[in-house]
């Protein structure tokens, strides 16, 4: 935590929103929006790619139909996608 002298002293979330918008301008509420969106997009792409690759591998192991994969294939691919991404 920051030392007491460097803290902003917000009492609640609405106090923080009003003080930030009045002291720094309304645009300050959106300072971290672009990096956060890019982080979310890259995480989703990574999870989808890993999940898709794991699904292909699980289909060959389990012998499921690619058009109707079983529960084991779907859960295994989702776990692998979440773990590796």
C-alpha atoms as a PDB file:
ATOM      1  CA  UNK A   1       0.000   0.000   0.000  1.00  0.00           C
ATOM      2  CA  UNK A   2       1.003   3.565  -0.508  1.00  0.00           C
ATOM      3  CA  UNK A   3       1.975   5.712   2.434  1.00  0.00           C
ATOM      4  CA  UNK A   4      -0.867   7.710   3.983  1.00  0.00           C
ATOM      5  CA  UNK A   5       0.380  10.978   2.451  1.00  0.00           C
ATOM      6  CA  UNK A   6       0.163   9.525  -1.097  1.00  0.00           C
ATOM      7  CA  UNK A   7      -3.288   7.933  -0.813  1.00  0.00           C
ATOM      8  CA  UNK A   8      -6.204   9.599  -2.535  1.00  0.00           C
ATOM      9  CA  UNK A   9      -8.692   8.999   0.278  1.00  0.00           C
ATOM     10  CA  UNK A  10     -11.763   7.868  -1.666  1.00  0.00           C
ATOM     11  CA  UNK A  11     -14.639   7.048   0.653  1.00  0.00           C
ATOM     12  CA  UNK A  12     -16.632   4.913  -1.824  1.00  0.00           C
ATOM     13  CA  UNK A  13     -16.814   4.146  -5.531  1.00  0.00           C
ATOM     14  CA  UNK A  14     -19.144   7.031  -6.385  1.00  0.00           C
ATOM     15  CA  UNK A  15     -16.825   9.437  -4.564  1.00  0.00           C
ATOM     16  CA  UNK A  16     -13.937   8.079  -6.624  1.00  0.00           C
ATOM     17  CA  UNK A  17     -15.852   8.435  -9.907  1.00  0.00           C
ATOM     18  CA  UNK A  18     -16.935  11.997  -9.194  1.00  0.00           C
ATOM     19  CA  UNK A  19     -13.522  13.112  -7.934  1.00  0.00           C
ATOM     20  CA  UNK A  20     -11.629  11.564 -10.838  1.00  0.00           C
ATOM     21  CA  UNK A  21     -13.956  13.079 -13.421  1.00  0.00           C
ATOM     22  CA  UNK A  22     -13.854  16.527 -11.794  1.00  0.00           C
ATOM     23  CA  UNK A  23     -10.124  16.629 -10.969  1.00  0.00           C
ATOM     24  CA  UNK A  24      -8.659  14.831 -13.992  1.00  0.00           C
ATOM     25  CA  UNK A  25     -11.466  15.091 -16.543  1.00  0.00           C
ATOM     26  CA  UNK A  26     -14.023  12.566 -17.746  1.00  0.00           C
ATOM     27  CA  UNK A  27     -11.527  10.934 -20.113  1.00  0.00           C
ATOM     28  CA  UNK A  28      -9.374   9.864 -17.173  1.00  0.00           C
ATOM     29  CA  UNK A  29     -11.971   7.201 -16.377  1.00  0.00           C
ATOM     30  CA  UNK A  30     -11.008   5.487 -19.658  1.00  0.00           C
ATOM     31  CA  UNK A  31      -7.193   5.684 -19.383  1.00  0.00           C
ATOM     32  CA  UNK A  32      -6.616   1.933 -19.213  1.00  0.00           C
ATOM     33  CA  UNK A  33      -9.374   0.892 -21.590  1.00  0.00           C
ATOM     34  CA  UNK A  34      -7.276   0.160 -24.699  1.00  0.00           C
ATOM     35  CA  UNK A  35      -4.646  -1.994 -22.929  1.00  0.00           C
ATOM     36  CA  UNK A  36      -7.383  -3.888 -21.106  1.00  0.00           C
ATOM     37  CA  UNK A  37      -9.258  -4.584 -24.339  1.00  0.00           C
ATOM     38  CA  UNK A  38      -6.049  -5.758 -26.030  1.00  0.00           C
ATOM     39  CA  UNK A  39      -5.259  -8.029 -23.077  1.00  0.00           C
ATOM     40  CA  UNK A  40      -8.727  -9.537 -23.182  1.00  0.00           C
ATOM     41  CA  UNK A  41      -8.591 -10.083 -26.935  1.00  0.00           C
ATOM     42  CA  UNK A  42      -5.185 -11.761 -26.815  1.00  0.00           C
ATOM     43  CA  UNK A  43      -6.263 -14.029 -23.952  1.00  0.00           C
ATOM     44  CA  UNK A  44      -9.400 -15.073 -25.835  1.00  0.00           C
ATOM     45  CA  UNK A  45      -7.482 -15.763 -29.038  1.00  0.00           C
ATOM     46  CA  UNK A  46      -4.914 -17.809 -27.122  1.00  0.00           C
ATOM     47  CA  UNK A  47      -7.565 -19.822 -25.318  1.00  0.00           C
ATOM     48  CA  UNK A  48      -9.515 -20.480 -28.497  1.00  0.00           C
ATOM     49  CA  UNK A  49      -6.418 -21.574 -30.411  1.00  0.00           C
ATOM     50  CA  UNK A  50      -5.243 -23.887 -27.618  1.00  0.00           C
ATOM     51  CA  UNK A  51      -8.731 -25.249 -27.121  1.00  0.00           C
ATOM     52  CA  UNK A  52      -9.158 -25.943 -30.830  1.00  0.00           C
ATOM     53  CA  UNK A  53      -5.805 -27.701 -31.061  1.00  0.00           C
ATOM     54  CA  UNK A  54      -6.549 -29.732 -27.930  1.00  0.00           C
ATOM     55  CA  UNK A  55      -9.955 -30.665 -29.321  1.00  0.00           C
ATOM     56  CA  UNK A  56      -8.362 -32.038 -32.481  1.00  0.00           C
ATOM     57  CA  UNK A  57      -5.920 -34.071 -30.408  1.00  0.00           C
ATOM     58  CA  UNK A  58      -8.649 -35.322 -28.067  1.00  0.00           C
ATOM     59  CA  UNK A  59     -10.786 -36.387 -31.033  1.00  0.00           C
ATOM     60  CA  UNK A  60      -8.013 -38.643 -32.278  1.00  0.00           C
ATOM     61  CA  UNK A  61      -7.476 -40.114 -28.795  1.00  0.00           C
ATOM     62  CA  UNK A  62     -11.146 -40.704 -27.968  1.00  0.00           C
ATOM     63  CA  UNK A  63     -12.293 -41.520 -31.498  1.00  0.00           C
ATOM     64  CA  UNK A  64     -15.295 -39.188 -31.235  1.00  0.00           C
ATOM     65  CA  UNK A  65     -17.150 -37.801 -34.226  1.00  0.00           C
ATOM     66  CA  UNK A  66     -15.826 -34.269 -34.996  1.00  0.00           C
ATOM     67  CA  UNK A  67     -19.384 -33.028 -35.624  1.00  0.00           C
ATOM     68  CA  UNK A  68     -20.633 -34.288 -32.238  1.00  0.00           C
ATOM     69  CA  UNK A  69     -17.738 -34.533 -29.753  1.00  0.00           C
ATOM     70  CA  UNK A  70     -18.379 -36.238 -26.442  1.00  0.00           C
ATOM     71  CA  UNK A  71     -18.283 -34.690 -23.007  1.00  0.00           C
ATOM     72  CA  UNK A  72     -14.757 -35.981 -22.332  1.00  0.00           C
ATOM     73  CA  UNK A  73     -13.452 -34.320 -25.488  1.00  0.00           C
ATOM     74  CA  UNK A  74     -15.152 -30.996 -24.761  1.00  0.00           C
ATOM     75  CA  UNK A  75     -14.070 -30.844 -21.118  1.00  0.00           C
ATOM     76  CA  UNK A  76     -10.507 -31.904 -21.922  1.00  0.00           C
ATOM     77  CA  UNK A  77     -10.184 -29.308 -24.676  1.00  0.00           C
ATOM     78  CA  UNK A  78     -11.608 -26.561 -22.440  1.00  0.00           C
ATOM     79  CA  UNK A  79      -9.221 -27.471 -19.611  1.00  0.00           C
ATOM     80  CA  UNK A  80      -6.235 -27.481 -21.951  1.00  0.00           C
ATOM     81  CA  UNK A  81      -7.257 -24.156 -23.494  1.00  0.00           C
ATOM     82  CA  UNK A  82      -7.588 -22.543 -20.074  1.00  0.00           C
ATOM     83  CA  UNK A  83      -4.342 -24.011 -18.791  1.00  0.00           C
ATOM     84  CA  UNK A  84      -2.103 -23.104 -21.715  1.00  0.00           C
ATOM     85  CA  UNK A  85      -3.535 -19.688 -22.532  1.00  0.00           C
END
